[in-house]
Amino acid sequence: MKEQIDLDDCVLLINQLKIEDPLKLYHSMHEISFDIKLSSILKVFTRIYDMGWLEVYYKAHEKEILEIFNCEGRR
């Protein structure tokens, strides 16, 4: 239940701030020392736009996404 509320809040925030790029959001969050996983951000964006969007976005940014996932896996 708590995760659902958090996801809903994140969806609202991303929509209100008109954030369109999950990688840009990821890097911005880490610049201010907010440790969030890219998979969590992608989950929210997928909820906003759908799985078709994620497939297109992933293909366009595959190298950077995989690099981040590899780094997160080492933590």
C-alpha atoms as a PDB file:
ATOM      1  CA  MET A   1       0.000   0.000   0.000  1.00  0.00           C
ATOM      2  CA  LYS A   2       2.796   2.467   0.951  1.00  0.00           C
ATOM      3  CA  GLU A   3       4.627   1.806  -2.330  1.00  0.00           C
ATOM      4  CA  GLN A   4       1.425   2.566  -4.256  1.00  0.00           C
ATOM      5  CA  ILE A   5       1.059   5.922  -2.496  1.00  0.00           C
ATOM      6  CA  ASP A   6       4.729   6.746  -3.137  1.00  0.00           C
ATOM      7  CA  LEU A   7       4.368   5.848  -6.818  1.00  0.00           C
ATOM      8  CA  ASP A   8       1.261   7.999  -7.130  1.00  0.00           C
ATOM      9  CA  ASP A   9       3.093  10.917  -5.498  1.00  0.00           C
ATOM     10  CA  CYS A  10       6.063  10.484  -7.829  1.00  0.00           C
ATOM     11  CA  VAL A  11       3.809  10.380 -10.874  1.00  0.00           C
ATOM     12  CA  LEU A  12       2.145  13.623  -9.777  1.00  0.00           C
ATOM     13  CA  LEU A  13       5.472  15.311  -9.079  1.00  0.00           C
ATOM     14  CA  ILE A  14       7.018  14.315 -12.412  1.00  0.00           C
ATOM     15  CA  ASN A  15       3.917  15.474 -14.261  1.00  0.00           C
ATOM     16  CA  GLN A  16       3.734  18.779 -12.335  1.00  0.00           C
ATOM     17  CA  LEU A  17       7.406  19.554 -12.926  1.00  0.00           C
ATOM     18  CA  LYS A  18       7.153  18.403 -16.552  1.00  0.00           C
ATOM     19  CA  ILE A  19      10.170  16.124 -16.180  1.00  0.00           C
ATOM     20  CA  GLU A  20      10.552  14.189 -19.404  1.00  0.00           C
ATOM     21  CA  ASP A  21      13.896  12.391 -19.122  1.00  0.00           C
ATOM     22  CA  PRO A  22      14.446   9.729 -16.454  1.00  0.00           C
ATOM     23  CA  LEU A  23      18.225   9.725 -16.888  1.00  0.00           C
ATOM     24  CA  LYS A  24      18.374  13.481 -16.401  1.00  0.00           C
ATOM     25  CA  LEU A  25      16.245  13.110 -13.266  1.00  0.00           C
ATOM     26  CA  TYR A  26      18.470  10.266 -12.030  1.00  0.00           C
ATOM     27  CA  HIS A  27      21.641  12.345 -12.443  1.00  0.00           C
ATOM     28  CA  SER A  28      20.034  15.425 -10.878  1.00  0.00           C
ATOM     29  CA  MET A  29      18.957  13.420  -7.839  1.00  0.00           C
ATOM     30  CA  HIS A  30      22.439  11.980  -7.374  1.00  0.00           C
ATOM     31  CA  GLU A  31      24.031  15.431  -7.720  1.00  0.00           C
ATOM     32  CA  ILE A  32      22.152  16.453  -4.574  1.00  0.00           C
ATOM     33  CA  SER A  33      23.152  13.195  -2.842  1.00  0.00           C
ATOM     34  CA  PHE A  34      19.715  11.618  -3.110  1.00  0.00           C
ATOM     35  CA  ASP A  35      20.422   7.922  -3.569  1.00  0.00           C
ATOM     36  CA  ILE A  36      17.701   6.512  -5.786  1.00  0.00           C
ATOM     37  CA  LYS A  37      17.865   3.553  -8.114  1.00  0.00           C
ATOM     38  CA  LEU A  38      17.310   4.073 -11.804  1.00  0.00           C
ATOM     39  CA  SER A  39      14.898   1.137 -11.831  1.00  0.00           C
ATOM     40  CA  SER A  40      12.626   3.053  -9.434  1.00  0.00           C
ATOM     41  CA  ILE A  41      12.631   6.105 -11.683  1.00  0.00           C
ATOM     42  CA  LEU A  42      11.954   3.990 -14.770  1.00  0.00           C
ATOM     43  CA  LYS A  43       9.081   2.308 -12.948  1.00  0.00           C
ATOM     44  CA  VAL A  44       7.423   5.685 -12.391  1.00  0.00           C
ATOM     45  CA  PHE A  45       7.974   6.825 -15.975  1.00  0.00           C
ATOM     46  CA  THR A  46       6.595   3.523 -17.263  1.00  0.00           C
ATOM     47  CA  ARG A  47       3.513   4.112 -15.164  1.00  0.00           C
ATOM     48  CA  ILE A  48       3.096   7.525 -16.765  1.00  0.00           C
ATOM     49  CA  TYR A  49       3.831   6.578 -20.357  1.00  0.00           C
ATOM     50  CA  ASP A  50       3.458   2.722 -20.564  1.00  0.00           C
ATOM     51  CA  MET A  51       5.710  -0.201 -21.474  1.00  0.00           C
ATOM     52  CA  GLY A  52       5.890   0.811 -25.142  1.00  0.00           C
ATOM     53  CA  TRP A  53       7.523   4.056 -24.100  1.00  0.00           C
ATOM     54  CA  LEU A  54      10.035   2.178 -21.931  1.00  0.00           C
ATOM     55  CA  GLU A  55      11.024  -0.089 -24.819  1.00  0.00           C
ATOM     56  CA  VAL A  56      11.709   2.885 -27.107  1.00  0.00           C
ATOM     57  CA  TYR A  57      13.530   4.828 -24.363  1.00  0.00           C
ATOM     58  CA  TYR A  58      15.642   1.814 -23.392  1.00  0.00           C
ATOM     59  CA  LYS A  59      16.732   1.189 -26.977  1.00  0.00           C
ATOM     60  CA  ALA A  60      17.751   4.834 -27.352  1.00  0.00           C
ATOM     61  CA  HIS A  61      19.703   4.887 -24.059  1.00  0.00           C
ATOM     62  CA  GLU A  62      20.710   1.254 -23.612  1.00  0.00           C
ATOM     63  CA  LYS A  63      24.432   1.818 -23.030  1.00  0.00           C
ATOM     64  CA  GLU A  64      23.978   4.437 -20.290  1.00  0.00           C
ATOM     65  CA  ILE A  65      21.166   2.495 -18.602  1.00  0.00           C
ATOM     66  CA  LEU A  66      23.252  -0.689 -18.490  1.00  0.00           C
ATOM     67  CA  GLU A  67      26.267   1.206 -17.119  1.00  0.00           C
ATOM     68  CA  ILE A  68      24.126   2.612 -14.299  1.00  0.00           C
ATOM     69  CA  PHE A  69      22.574  -0.787 -13.554  1.00  0.00           C
ATOM     70  CA  ASN A  70      26.054  -2.342 -13.394  1.00  0.00           C
ATOM     71  CA  CYS A  71      27.269   0.362 -10.990  1.00  0.00           C
ATOM     72  CA  GLU A  72      24.164   0.048  -8.810  1.00  0.00           C
ATOM     73  CA  GLY A  73      24.646  -3.718  -8.666  1.00  0.00           C
ATOM     74  CA  ARG A  74      28.132  -3.248  -7.184  1.00  0.00           C
ATOM     75  CA  ARG A  75      26.868  -1.147  -4.257  1.00  0.00           C
END
